[in-house]
Protein backbone atom coordinates (compact mmCIF):
# COMPACT_ATOMS: atom_id res chain seq x y z
CA MET A 1 0.12 -6.61 -3.35
CA LYS A 2 -3.29 -8.02 -1.85
CA ILE A 3 -6.33 -5.27 -1.19
CA SER A 4 -6.12 -7.13 2.23
CA VAL A 5 -3.15 -4.91 2.88
CA ILE A 6 -4.70 -1.37 2.33
CA LYS A 7 -7.65 -2.46 4.38
CA ASN A 8 -5.34 -3.32 7.20
CA PHE A 9 -3.99 0.18 6.68
CA PHE A 10 -7.59 1.78 7.17
CA ALA A 11 -8.39 -0.62 9.51
CA GLU A 12 -5.17 0.64 11.62
CA LEU A 13 -5.81 4.19 10.86
CA LYS A 14 -9.27 4.13 12.01
CA LYS A 15 -8.31 3.47 15.29
CA GLU A 16 -8.07 6.85 17.47
CA PRO A 17 -11.29 8.20 16.91
CA PRO A 18 -10.19 11.67 15.67
CA VAL A 19 -8.41 9.87 12.67
CA ALA A 20 -11.79 7.49 11.97
CA GLU A 21 -13.78 11.01 12.27
CA GLU A 22 -11.83 12.65 9.27
CA LEU A 23 -11.61 9.07 7.66
CA ASN A 24 -14.93 9.85 7.41
CA VAL A 25 -14.58 13.11 5.87
CA LEU A 26 -12.22 11.64 3.20
CA LYS A 27 -14.76 8.60 2.64
CA ARG A 28 -17.28 11.24 1.31
CA GLN A 29 -15.01 13.36 -1.03
CA ALA A 30 -13.68 10.49 -2.65
CA THR A 31 -17.08 9.73 -3.20
CA TYR A 32 -17.71 13.43 -4.29
CA VAL A 33 -14.64 12.99 -6.51
CA PHE A 34 -15.50 9.68 -7.71
CA VAL A 35 -19.09 11.21 -8.60
CA TRP A 36 -17.36 13.30 -10.54
CA LEU A 37 -15.06 11.08 -12.38
CA VAL A 38 -18.22 9.08 -13.93
CA ILE A 39 -19.34 12.25 -15.08
CA ALA A 40 -16.07 13.09 -16.89
CA GLU A 41 -15.83 10.05 -18.36
CA VAL A 42 -19.61 10.26 -19.64
CA PHE A 43 -19.35 13.36 -20.83
CA LEU A 44 -15.45 12.49 -22.70
CA PHE A 45 -17.68 9.09 -24.22
CA ALA A 46 -20.40 11.46 -25.52
CA GLN A 47 -18.22 14.40 -27.06
CA ILE A 48 -17.84 12.21 -29.96
CA TYR A 49 -20.74 11.33 -30.42
CA PRO A 50 -21.48 14.92 -32.28
CA VAL A 51 -18.49 13.79 -34.49
CA LYS A 52 -20.60 10.69 -35.82
CA TRP A 53 -23.38 12.88 -37.01
CA PHE A 54 -21.10 15.49 -38.57
CA PHE A 55 -19.33 12.45 -40.95
CA ASP A 56 -22.93 10.70 -41.04
CA GLY A 57 -24.12 14.77 -43.18
CA PHE A 58 -21.35 13.64 -45.93
CA ARG A 59 -23.49 10.98 -47.03
CA HIS A 60 -26.60 12.95 -47.11
CA ALA A 61 -27.56 16.32 -47.58
CA MET A 62 -26.63 18.45 -44.29
CA SER A 63 -28.47 22.04 -43.82
CA TYR A 64 -26.90 24.82 -42.31
CA ARG A 65 -29.42 24.69 -39.88
CA MET A 66 -28.19 20.93 -39.13
CA LEU A 67 -24.43 21.62 -39.32
CA LEU A 68 -25.17 25.04 -36.50
CA VAL A 69 -26.91 22.18 -34.23
CA ILE A 70 -23.68 19.64 -34.75
CA CYS A 71 -21.21 22.59 -34.10
CA GLY A 72 -23.45 23.89 -31.12
CA ALA A 73 -23.35 20.31 -29.10
CA ILE A 74 -19.79 19.71 -29.95
CA PHE A 75 -19.60 23.43 -27.81
CA VAL A 76 -21.77 22.36 -24.88
CA LEU A 77 -20.57 18.80 -24.48
CA TYR A 78 -16.85 20.02 -24.63
CA GLY A 79 -17.51 23.04 -22.87
CA ILE A 80 -19.20 21.40 -19.83
CA GLY A 81 -16.75 18.78 -19.95
CA SER A 82 -14.01 21.34 -19.37
CA LEU A 83 -16.07 22.40 -16.52
CA VAL A 84 -16.75 19.00 -14.95
CA ARG A 85 -12.80 17.90 -15.09
CA CYS A 86 -11.98 21.26 -13.41
CA GLU A 87 -14.10 20.62 -11.01
CA MET A 88 -13.39 17.31 -10.65
CA ASP A 89 -9.23 18.10 -10.30
CA ASN A 90 -10.60 20.98 -7.33
CA ARG A 91 -11.95 18.11 -5.86
CA ARG A 92 -9.19 15.06 -6.55
CA ASN A 93 -6.93 18.04 -4.92
CA GLN A 94 -8.66 18.93 -1.35
CA PHE A 95 -9.00 15.02 -0.94
CA TYR A 96 -5.22 14.65 -1.89
CA PHE A 97 -4.01 17.17 0.37
CA ARG A 98 -6.19 16.13 2.93
CA PHE A 99 -5.17 12.44 3.44
CA TRP A 100 -1.57 13.76 3.09
CA LYS A 101 -2.10 15.92 6.16
CA LEU A 102 -3.97 12.64 7.72
CA LEU A 103 -0.99 10.07 6.99
CA TRP A 104 1.89 12.52 7.68
CA GLY A 105 0.03 13.68 11.39
CA TYR A 106 -1.03 10.51 12.62
CA GLY A 107 2.39 8.83 11.30
CA HIS A 108 4.24 11.18 12.94
CA ARG A 109 2.02 10.87 16.17
CA LYS A 110 2.65 6.91 15.76
CA GLU A 111 6.20 7.09 16.07
CA LEU A 112 6.29 10.25 19.27
CA ARG A 113 4.35 8.04 20.84
CA LEU A 114 6.50 4.73 20.66
CA ASP A 115 9.13 4.40 23.69
CA THR A 116 12.52 4.94 24.13
CA ALA A 117 13.71 1.25 22.83
CA TRP A 118 12.18 1.77 19.46
CA HIS A 119 14.06 4.93 19.13
CA VAL A 120 17.21 3.93 20.17
CA ALA A 121 16.87 0.35 18.12
CA HIS A 122 16.18 2.01 14.56
CA SER A 123 18.20 5.02 12.91
CA THR A 124 17.15 7.99 11.99
CA GLY A 125 17.75 6.92 8.51
CA GLU A 126 15.01 3.76 8.82
CA LYS A 127 12.90 6.18 10.74
CA GLU A 128 12.80 9.03 7.64
CA SER A 129 12.36 6.08 5.33
CA VAL A 130 9.51 4.44 7.23
CA LEU A 131 7.28 8.15 7.28
CA ALA A 132 8.28 10.18 4.48
CA LYS A 133 9.00 7.55 1.98
CA ASN A 134 6.55 4.88 3.08
CA ILE A 135 3.82 7.56 3.31
CA LEU A 136 4.59 9.23 -0.05
CA LYS A 137 4.36 5.52 -1.80
CA ALA A 138 1.19 5.24 -0.20
CA GLU A 139 -0.33 8.48 -1.21
CA ASN A 140 1.10 7.96 -4.96
CA LEU A 141 -1.09 4.65 -4.34
CA ILE A 142 -4.20 5.63 -2.94
CA ASP A 143 -4.47 8.87 -5.81
CA ASN A 144 -3.08 6.31 -8.39
CA MET A 145 -5.69 4.16 -7.60
CA LEU A 146 -8.87 6.89 -7.18
CA PHE A 147 -8.23 9.46 -10.06
CA ASP A 148 -6.04 6.89 -12.50
CA THR A 149 -7.41 3.41 -12.15
CA VAL A 150 -10.35 4.23 -11.30
CA PRO A 151 -10.88 6.54 -14.72
CA THR A 152 -9.80 4.01 -16.83
CA CYS A 153 -11.49 1.08 -15.41
CA VAL A 154 -15.03 3.11 -16.17
CA ARG A 155 -13.57 4.09 -19.47
CA ILE A 156 -13.13 0.90 -20.51
CA VAL A 157 -16.46 -0.27 -19.12
CA LEU A 158 -18.26 2.62 -21.19
CA THR A 159 -16.15 1.71 -24.41
CA CYS A 160 -17.18 -2.07 -24.01
CA ILE A 161 -20.82 -0.70 -23.64
CA GLY A 162 -20.50 1.55 -26.51
CA MET A 163 -19.15 -1.10 -28.91
CA TRP A 164 -22.17 -3.70 -27.83
CA TRP A 165 -24.43 -1.19 -28.65
CA ILE A 166 -23.47 -0.59 -32.17
CA GLY A 167 -22.58 -4.77 -32.56
CA TRP A 168 -21.89 -7.94 -31.03
CA GLN A 169 -19.31 -8.61 -32.78
CA PHE A 170 -17.41 -5.06 -31.28
CA GLY A 171 -18.54 -5.74 -28.06
CA LEU A 172 -16.60 -8.88 -28.27
CA PHE A 173 -13.47 -7.50 -29.50
CA ALA A 174 -13.41 -4.94 -27.18
CA MET A 175 -13.95 -7.11 -24.30
CA GLY A 176 -11.11 -9.68 -26.16
CA THR A 177 -8.29 -6.39 -26.12
CA VAL A 178 -8.95 -6.05 -22.28
CA MET A 179 -8.50 -9.16 -21.33
CA LEU A 180 -5.31 -9.98 -23.86
CA TYR A 181 -4.07 -6.51 -22.62
CA ALA A 182 -4.71 -7.89 -18.65
CA ALA A 183 -3.74 -11.17 -19.15
CA THR A 184 -0.19 -9.95 -20.92
CA LEU A 185 0.32 -7.39 -17.60
CA PHE A 186 -0.18 -9.72 -14.93
CA ARG A 187 2.26 -12.36 -16.89
CA ASN A 188 4.79 -9.42 -17.18
CA GLU A 189 4.28 -8.33 -13.47
CA THR A 190 5.34 -11.61 -12.08
CA ASN A 191 8.47 -10.99 -14.05
CA ILE A 192 9.12 -7.29 -13.54
CA ALA A 193 8.17 -7.82 -9.46
CA PRO A 194 11.55 -9.54 -8.72
CA LEU A 195 13.46 -6.37 -10.48
CA ARG A 196 11.89 -4.06 -8.67
CA LYS A 197 12.58 -5.84 -5.26
CA SER A 198 16.25 -6.09 -6.62
CA PHE A 199 16.15 -2.08 -6.93
CA ARG A 200 14.54 -0.92 -3.88
CA ALA A 201 16.92 -3.41 -1.83
CA GLN A 202 19.94 -2.00 -3.36
CA MET A 203 18.48 1.38 -2.96
CA LYS A 204 17.50 1.45 0.43
CA ARG A 205 21.35 0.68 1.16
CA ILE A 206 22.34 3.62 -0.47
CA GLU A 207 19.68 6.13 0.79
CA ARG A 208 21.00 4.39 4.42
CA ASP A 209 24.61 5.34 3.56
CA GLY A 210 23.48 8.71 2.08
CA THR A 211 22.02 9.57 5.46
CA GLU A 212 25.09 8.91 7.36
CA LEU A 213 27.14 10.89 5.58
CA THR A 214 24.66 14.00 6.08
CA GLN A 215 24.37 13.46 9.78
CA ASN A 216 28.76 12.80 10.50
CA TRP A 217 29.66 15.58 8.38
CA ARG A 218 31.32 17.24 11.60
CA THR A 219 33.36 14.21 12.16
CA LEU A 220 33.96 13.54 8.17
CA LYS A 221 35.35 16.64 7.77
CA GLN A 222 37.60 16.84 11.34
CA PHE A 223 39.27 14.10 10.55
CA GLY A 224 39.77 15.09 6.99
CA ILE A 225 37.42 12.23 5.29
CA GLU A 226 35.34 13.51 3.58
CA GLU A 227 36.78 12.96 0.33
CA GLU A 228 37.03 9.68 0.87
CA GLN A 229 33.33 8.71 1.81
CA ALA A 230 32.27 10.86 -0.70
CA ASN A 231 34.43 8.42 -3.50
CA GLU A 232 32.74 5.13 -2.05
CA HIS A 233 29.48 6.51 -1.86
CA GLU A 234 29.56 7.40 -5.69
CA GLU A 235 31.02 3.74 -5.96
CA LYS A 236 28.28 2.61 -4.75
CA LEU A 237 25.87 5.29 -7.25
CA MET A 238 27.94 4.35 -9.59
CA GLN A 239 27.13 0.31 -8.74
CA LEU A 240 23.22 1.01 -8.62
CA CYS A 241 23.29 2.83 -12.78
CA VAL A 242 25.33 -0.47 -13.95
CA ASP A 243 22.81 -2.72 -11.99
CA GLU A 244 20.16 -0.27 -13.09
CA ARG A 245 21.11 -0.45 -16.96
CA TRP A 246 20.11 -4.21 -17.39
CA ARG A 247 17.04 -4.12 -14.91
CA HIS A 248 15.88 -1.57 -17.21
CA ARG A 249 16.55 -3.29 -20.47
CA ALA A 250 14.66 -5.70 -19.05
CA PHE A 251 11.72 -3.91 -17.86
CA THR A 252 11.40 -2.28 -21.21
CA ALA A 253 11.15 -5.23 -23.09
CA TYR A 254 8.00 -5.98 -20.98
CA LEU A 255 6.82 -3.48 -21.52
CA VAL A 256 7.34 -2.95 -24.71
CA ARG A 257 5.44 -6.89 -24.96
CA GLN A 258 2.35 -5.26 -23.60
CA GLU A 259 2.72 -1.93 -26.24
CA HIS A 260 2.36 -4.81 -28.91
CA VAL A 261 -0.95 -5.73 -27.84
CA VAL A 262 -2.27 -2.76 -28.03
CA THR A 263 -0.59 -2.55 -31.66
CA VAL A 264 -1.97 -5.66 -33.59
CA THR A 265 -5.35 -5.17 -31.41
CA ARG A 266 -5.30 -1.15 -33.33
CA ALA A 267 -4.13 -2.73 -36.83
CA LEU A 268 -6.83 -5.24 -35.89
CA MET A 269 -9.53 -2.74 -35.14
CA TYR A 270 -8.85 -0.74 -38.42
CA TYR A 271 -9.55 -3.83 -40.11
CA ILE A 272 -12.32 -4.80 -38.92
CA VAL A 273 -13.90 -1.23 -39.22
CA ALA A 274 -13.15 -1.23 -42.63
CA CYS A 275 -15.08 -4.31 -43.02
CA ALA A 276 -17.94 -3.43 -41.32
CA PHE A 277 -18.35 0.39 -42.62
CA PHE A 278 -16.94 0.77 -45.85
CA PRO A 279 -19.10 -1.46 -48.29
CA THR A 280 -21.57 0.54 -46.39
CA MET A 281 -19.73 4.10 -46.28
CA ASN A 282 -20.75 4.11 -43.04
CA ALA A 283 -18.20 6.65 -41.73
CA GLY A 284 -20.08 8.57 -38.78
CA LEU A 285 -20.29 4.70 -37.47
CA ALA A 286 -16.54 4.40 -37.74
CA VAL A 287 -15.57 7.53 -36.68
CA LEU A 288 -17.28 6.62 -33.67
CA VAL A 289 -15.78 2.88 -32.96
CA THR A 290 -12.19 4.12 -33.86
CA MET A 291 -12.03 6.98 -31.42
CA TRP A 292 -13.67 5.32 -28.97
CA MET A 293 -11.52 2.18 -28.92
CA GLU A 294 -8.20 4.81 -29.69
CA ARG A 295 -9.51 6.42 -26.02
CA MET A 296 -9.54 3.05 -24.58
CA PHE A 297 -5.87 2.51 -25.84
CA THR A 298 -4.04 5.43 -24.09
CA ARG A 299 -5.86 4.93 -20.92
CA MET A 300 -4.67 1.20 -20.75
CA SER A 301 -1.07 2.40 -20.30
CA ASN A 302 -2.73 3.68 -16.56
CA LEU A 303 -3.29 -0.17 -15.89
CA THR A 304 0.91 -0.26 -15.77
CA ASP A 305 0.99 2.35 -13.58
CA PHE A 306 -1.15 0.82 -11.21
CA GLN A 307 0.36 -2.26 -11.43
CA ARG A 308 4.21 -0.56 -10.60
CA HIS A 309 2.52 1.58 -7.81
CA MET A 310 0.44 -1.47 -6.59
CA ASN A 311 3.81 -3.73 -6.46
CA GLU A 312 5.94 -0.42 -4.57
CA GLY A 313 2.73 1.18 -2.42
CA GLY A 314 2.19 -2.37 -1.18
CA GLU A 315 5.81 -3.01 0.13
CA ALA A 316 5.43 0.56 2.01
CA VAL A 317 1.67 0.27 3.27
CA ALA A 318 2.86 -2.94 4.92
CA GLU A 319 5.78 -1.36 6.95
CA LEU A 320 3.45 1.55 7.78
CA VAL A 321 0.88 -0.58 9.16
CA GLU A 322 3.41 -2.55 10.54
CA GLN A 323 4.48 -0.04 12.61
CA PHE A 324 1.05 2.00 13.55
CA SER A 325 0.37 -1.74 15.01
CA ILE A 326 2.89 -1.13 17.56
CA ILE A 327 1.59 -1.21 21.10
CA PRO A 328 4.77 0.75 23.37
CA ASP A 329 6.06 -0.68 26.35
CA ILE A 330 5.48 2.53 28.03
CA ARG A 331 2.04 3.51 28.28
CA GLN A 332 -0.85 5.24 30.02
CA ALA A 333 -2.15 3.07 32.96
CA ASN A 334 -5.62 1.91 32.47
CA GLU A 335 -6.35 4.10 35.80
CA PRO A 336 -3.85 6.59 36.28
CA ARG A 337 -3.11 8.68 38.81
CA TRP A 338 -2.13 12.09 39.40
CA ASP A 339 -2.63 14.55 42.44
CA GLY A 340 -1.36 17.61 40.95
CA SER A 341 2.40 17.28 41.67
CA ALA A 342 5.69 14.43 41.82
CA ARG A 343 6.74 16.21 44.83
CA GLY A 344 6.49 13.39 47.76
CA THR A 345 9.18 10.73 48.51
CA ILE A 346 11.11 8.84 46.06
CA GLU A 347 11.77 5.23 46.40
CA PHE A 348 13.80 2.43 44.52
CA ARG A 349 12.30 -0.99 45.44
CA ASN A 350 14.11 -4.06 44.44
CA VAL A 351 14.27 -2.35 40.65
CA SER A 352 16.56 -4.45 37.77
CA LEU A 353 16.06 -3.66 34.36
CA SER A 354 17.47 -5.59 31.76
CA TYR A 355 17.31 -3.89 28.15
CA PRO A 356 15.75 -6.05 25.29
CA ASP A 357 18.99 -6.28 23.33
CA GLY A 358 20.92 -6.82 26.56
CA LYS A 359 23.12 -9.28 28.22
CA GLN A 360 23.32 -8.40 31.87
CA ASP A 361 21.15 -6.20 33.67
CA ALA A 362 21.81 -2.56 33.73
CA LEU A 363 20.99 -2.46 37.29
CA LYS A 364 20.43 -4.32 39.75
CA ASP A 365 17.95 -4.85 42.84
CA ILE A 366 18.62 -1.34 43.48
CA ASN A 367 17.08 0.08 47.18
CA LEU A 368 16.94 4.01 47.63
CA LEU A 369 14.73 6.34 49.09
CA VAL A 370 15.04 10.25 48.89
CA GLN A 371 13.41 12.69 50.48
CA PRO A 372 11.79 15.44 48.65
CA ASN A 373 13.38 18.99 47.48
CA THR A 374 16.89 17.43 48.41
CA THR A 375 19.92 17.01 45.47
CA VAL A 376 21.60 13.69 44.79
CA ALA A 377 24.57 13.12 42.63
CA LEU A 378 25.32 9.89 41.22
CA VAL A 379 28.61 9.29 40.46
CA GLY A 380 30.37 6.02 39.66
CA TYR A 381 32.87 4.45 36.51
CA SER A 382 31.28 5.19 32.80
CA GLY A 383 28.81 2.25 31.98
CA GLY A 384 27.91 1.61 35.91
CA GLY A 385 24.35 2.81 35.23
CA LYS A 386 24.14 6.20 36.20
CA THR A 387 21.96 7.66 33.12
CA THR A 388 19.82 4.13 33.16
CA PHE A 389 18.80 4.93 36.86
CA ALA A 390 17.48 8.28 35.72
CA SER A 391 15.70 6.74 32.35
CA LEU A 392 13.97 4.60 34.74
CA LEU A 393 12.94 7.78 36.52
CA ALA A 394 11.93 9.69 33.55
CA ARG A 395 10.25 6.40 32.72
CA GLU A 396 11.49 6.04 29.64
CA TYR A 397 11.76 2.31 30.80
CA ASP A 398 9.92 0.56 33.08
CA PRO A 399 11.74 -1.79 35.30
CA THR A 400 12.31 -5.60 34.94
CA GLU A 401 11.84 -6.11 38.39
CA GLY A 402 10.67 -3.95 41.23
CA SER A 403 9.04 -0.68 41.35
CA ILE A 404 10.10 3.46 41.79
CA MET A 405 7.55 4.74 43.98
CA ILE A 406 6.79 8.66 44.31
CA GLY A 407 4.52 9.94 46.89
CA GLY A 408 3.54 6.30 47.21
CA VAL A 409 2.23 5.90 44.30
CA ASP A 410 3.88 3.35 41.72
CA LEU A 411 5.57 5.21 39.14
CA HIS A 412 4.08 2.83 36.37
CA ASP A 413 0.22 3.90 37.73
CA ILE A 414 0.98 7.72 37.58
CA ASP A 415 -0.72 9.77 35.00
CA TYR A 416 1.85 9.00 32.56
CA ALA A 417 1.23 12.13 30.34
CA ARG A 418 1.37 14.97 33.31
CA TYR A 419 4.38 13.30 34.48
CA ARG A 420 6.25 14.18 31.51
CA LYS A 421 4.48 17.52 31.00
CA GLN A 422 4.75 18.84 34.82
CA GLY A 423 6.62 16.92 37.03
CA ILE A 424 9.99 15.84 35.75
CA SER A 425 12.63 17.72 33.79
CA ILE A 426 15.92 17.00 32.41
CA VAL A 427 19.07 18.42 30.90
CA SER A 428 20.92 15.80 28.99
CA GLN A 429 24.65 15.88 27.91
CA ASP A 430 23.25 15.34 24.26
CA VAL A 431 21.20 18.73 23.80
CA GLN A 432 18.74 18.42 21.06
CA LEU A 433 17.45 22.10 20.00
CA PHE A 434 15.13 23.12 17.14
CA ASP A 435 15.73 24.50 13.75
CA THR A 436 13.91 28.31 15.51
CA THR A 437 14.32 31.33 17.76
CA VAL A 438 15.90 31.20 20.89
CA ARG A 439 12.71 32.24 22.85
CA GLU A 440 10.38 29.38 21.08
CA ASN A 441 13.29 26.69 22.06
CA ILE A 442 12.86 27.69 25.68
CA ARG A 443 8.89 28.01 25.22
CA MET A 444 7.49 25.00 23.22
CA VAL A 445 8.08 22.54 26.87
CA ARG A 446 5.45 25.32 28.10
CA PRO A 447 3.48 27.48 26.08
CA ASP A 448 0.84 28.57 28.39
CA ALA A 449 3.55 30.35 30.45
CA LEU A 450 3.44 34.18 30.78
CA GLN A 451 5.35 35.86 28.22
CA GLY A 452 8.85 36.85 29.50
CA TYR A 453 9.32 33.86 31.86
CA GLU A 454 11.99 32.29 29.37
CA GLU A 455 14.14 35.60 30.18
CA ILE A 456 13.72 34.95 33.73
CA CYS A 457 14.82 31.32 33.65
CA ALA A 458 17.61 32.14 30.98
CA GLN A 459 19.10 34.43 33.64
CA ARG A 460 18.19 31.36 36.48
CA ALA A 461 20.81 29.38 34.10
CA TYR A 462 22.89 32.55 32.81
CA ALA A 463 22.23 32.18 29.90
CA ASP A 464 20.82 35.74 29.23
CA GLU A 465 23.64 37.50 29.13
CA PHE A 466 24.95 35.38 25.76
CA ILE A 467 21.38 35.49 24.60
CA ARG A 468 21.32 39.35 24.74
CA GLU A 469 24.44 39.54 22.80
CA LEU A 470 23.40 37.61 19.97
CA ARG A 471 22.02 39.54 16.81
CA ASP A 472 17.91 39.35 17.31
CA GLY A 473 19.06 38.60 21.21
CA TYR A 474 15.85 35.96 22.56
CA ASP A 475 14.15 36.00 18.69
CA THR A 476 17.85 34.64 17.09
CA ASP A 477 17.60 31.69 14.69
CA ILE A 478 19.68 29.43 16.20
CA GLY A 479 19.93 26.78 13.00
CA GLU A 480 18.95 23.35 12.93
CA ASP A 481 20.13 21.67 16.21
CA GLY A 482 21.75 24.98 17.60
CA ILE A 483 24.47 24.87 15.05
CA ARG A 484 24.93 28.62 15.76
CA LEU A 485 25.63 28.90 19.07
CA SER A 486 28.87 26.59 20.66
CA GLY A 487 28.75 23.80 22.95
CA GLY A 488 28.18 25.51 26.44
CA GLN A 489 25.65 28.09 24.74
CA ARG A 490 23.12 25.42 24.18
CA GLN A 491 24.04 23.37 27.29
CA ARG A 492 22.93 26.33 29.26
CA LEU A 493 20.04 27.40 26.63
CA ALA A 494 19.24 23.75 27.61
CA ILE A 495 18.76 24.40 31.45
CA ALA A 496 17.06 27.49 30.62
CA ARG A 497 13.83 25.26 28.97
CA ALA A 498 14.59 22.63 31.82
CA LEU A 499 13.37 25.54 34.29
CA TYR A 500 10.73 26.52 31.86
CA ARG A 501 8.61 23.71 33.21
CA ASP A 502 9.30 24.68 37.08
CA PRO A 503 9.29 20.49 37.52
CA ASP A 504 9.37 18.53 40.98
CA ILE A 505 12.38 16.52 39.58
CA LEU A 506 15.14 17.85 37.50
CA ILE A 507 17.55 15.52 36.56
CA PHE A 508 21.06 16.92 35.41
CA ASP A 509 22.94 14.03 33.17
CA GLU A 510 26.33 15.04 32.39
CA ALA A 511 24.88 18.58 32.08
CA THR A 512 28.62 19.96 32.81
CA SER A 513 30.78 17.25 30.69
CA SER A 514 30.97 19.13 27.62
CA LEU A 515 31.45 22.53 28.79
CA ASP A 516 34.43 25.33 29.24
CA ALA A 517 35.67 26.19 32.59
CA VAL A 518 33.63 29.37 31.88
CA SER A 519 30.76 28.07 31.05
CA GLN A 520 30.92 24.90 33.68
CA GLU A 521 31.24 27.79 36.39
CA TYR A 522 27.97 29.52 34.92
CA VAL A 523 26.13 26.15 35.31
CA GLN A 524 27.45 25.56 38.29
CA LYS A 525 26.45 28.55 40.13
CA ALA A 526 22.85 27.71 38.39
CA THR A 527 23.05 24.55 39.93
CA GLU A 528 24.07 25.80 43.68
CA ARG A 529 20.62 28.14 42.96
CA LEU A 530 18.75 26.01 42.71
CA ILE A 531 20.00 23.46 45.37
CA ALA A 532 19.85 26.45 48.41
CA GLU A 533 16.33 27.08 46.93
CA ARG A 534 15.24 23.48 47.34
CA ALA A 535 12.39 24.03 44.95
CA CYS A 536 12.54 20.71 43.11
CA THR A 537 14.01 17.43 43.52
CA ILE A 538 17.30 17.53 41.55
CA PHE A 539 19.01 14.28 40.59
CA ILE A 540 22.77 15.38 39.26
CA ILE A 541 24.63 12.89 37.47
CA ALA A 542 28.53 14.05 37.09
CA HIS A 543 32.03 13.14 36.77
CA ARG A 544 33.71 16.36 38.40
CA PHE A 545 33.30 16.51 41.75
CA SER A 546 32.98 20.33 41.80
CA THR A 547 29.23 19.80 40.62
CA ILE A 548 28.36 17.64 43.43
CA MET A 549 29.88 18.96 46.22
CA SER A 550 26.80 20.62 47.59
CA ALA A 551 24.47 17.38 47.08
CA ASP A 552 22.44 16.31 50.60
CA LEU A 553 23.11 12.10 48.98
CA VAL A 554 25.66 11.17 46.84
CA VAL A 555 25.12 7.48 45.31
CA VAL A 556 27.89 5.37 44.20
CA LEU A 557 26.85 2.98 41.64
CA ASN A 558 29.32 0.31 40.06
CA ASP A 559 27.84 -2.34 37.50
CA GLY A 560 24.86 -1.62 37.85
CA LYS A 561 25.05 -2.22 41.78
CA LEU A 562 24.43 0.42 44.44
CA GLU A 563 27.72 0.56 45.87
CA ALA A 564 27.44 2.97 48.43
CA VAL A 565 25.16 5.86 49.63
CA GLY A 566 26.09 8.48 51.81
CA THR A 567 27.30 12.40 51.81
CA HIS A 568 30.60 13.27 50.21
CA GLU A 569 32.09 13.45 53.53
CA GLU A 570 31.73 10.28 54.51
CA LEU A 571 32.30 8.30 50.89
CA ALA A 572 35.28 10.45 50.91
CA ARG A 573 36.49 8.87 53.79
CA GLY A 574 35.12 5.46 53.26
CA ASN A 575 34.45 4.50 50.30
CA GLY A 576 37.25 3.27 47.66
CA ILE A 577 35.12 3.62 44.39
CA TYR A 578 34.54 7.41 45.76
CA ARG A 579 38.18 8.18 46.99
CA ARG A 580 39.87 6.71 43.68
CA LEU A 581 37.17 8.67 41.20
CA ARG A 582 38.19 11.40 43.41
CA ASP A 583 41.64 11.27 43.31
CA LEU A 584 41.81 10.25 39.65
CA GLU A 585 39.69 13.84 39.18
CA MET A 586 42.68 15.54 41.55
CA ARG A 587 45.01 14.34 39.41
CA GLY A 588 43.26 15.47 35.72
CA VAL A 589 41.91 12.10 35.10
CA PHE A 590 38.56 11.42 34.25
CA CYS A 591 36.59 8.28 33.59
CA GLU A 592 34.02 9.78 31.53
């Protein structure tokens, strides 16, 4: 991996001012850590010197005073060295977790900023892999580079300097050892890289398969095929074990070559030391040289780890840079406009939409005018464009052609952040809840609201009664995605959450499709109350005509086109599609 990839990674992080400031803090922390690393290595380097004095003392008459000085020097150097390493570890720990916080926070922020089209195009497993796994690998790369590889390089440099100080022959030997090991490392890595690439590709397929099993556990159990799917997954795992056996053997063979370099040079070192010092019986220098070189030998394996982290982390960093560089299609206008609400007239002007991967238009030349605080029902066959219509109004997508005007202002120019926070709420068919309490699930969309308002909204959504029957009422944990609630309860809780925003525009996207008759009646009552209040503009997407009878305007969509517009009575008398849908429902047949 080229160092330029890491540079691009940090360059991308610097594009956001708060992150750039945090990087400056991390840079200072990394500098402090580096200083302490160098100091620690200097003490490790110097700790051997009193040992040399000790062995030199056997050649001469060593007094007790001299022995005490040597022992005192050993105590001081090793004691201070321990304190220095302790401080270094503390600063390293601070840097690591600060860096972890930066990557995780920035990574999730960037992912959440991406538009709906990106989220639709990527599975949950892919998103988790890009963030969780790649960020972890990037952390390991930076951590290994700063706190393992740098100290190793410092130790090698100090050792080479010390060996040159003792004699140029020893200096050449130390430098030759390092160069030979580096050449072997580079050559082995060239051969090992394809093996690692093969492993990563196979591992990604298995992880994707495991994610599917975890996500679709309910479907597998409902069809009774969990054992079959588990068996298929285990077969893939077994194949990984078989393939990894020969990969690992090849990998260890290359590692053995690197170890042979260390083994040969270590043996040669003792031979050179014996030839150089034994005639003069200079045991102190012999100990000094051998201990310096041995400490360097023990550190050289870290260079192998660095190569592995560089190889694994390189791909991870490259993927992170690629994702962090994505510019969403849906983003804030250069000069956003916001007059405090979105209660004005809503107008679709010649609106068409083609999805990025679509071969035909999802909506075609839609023209519609909706007055404020009215209720609009969207009906039609499945795939006719109803949800796409709502997605455009929520600005999950921008029209391919035409424009959507709210209060005379193009939706593209309206303050995107405020529009989503204050202007619009959506209750979708696919309810998504969080693994926390009922109260927090409602309050999270508007944390600045008065305490207790969530209970009022729950009452308006006819959810208060079942909530109070829960074990801890509004403070009951509902589990992952509200798994401890029934489908109808989850839907009513989502409605309460949408009402908690006091939106100007409220969209019900098939909000009653998964409800039983009793729950549907509750939601129907809540909808009728909202329609009667005329507190906001309401769009209702539904197939059940009982939920749209009170609508001011009914819009019939068919194959992405605006088929008809009128009241329920008008369309029931004249429009073919609308009458057919109503007749099918009366016979108990739903075109959902």
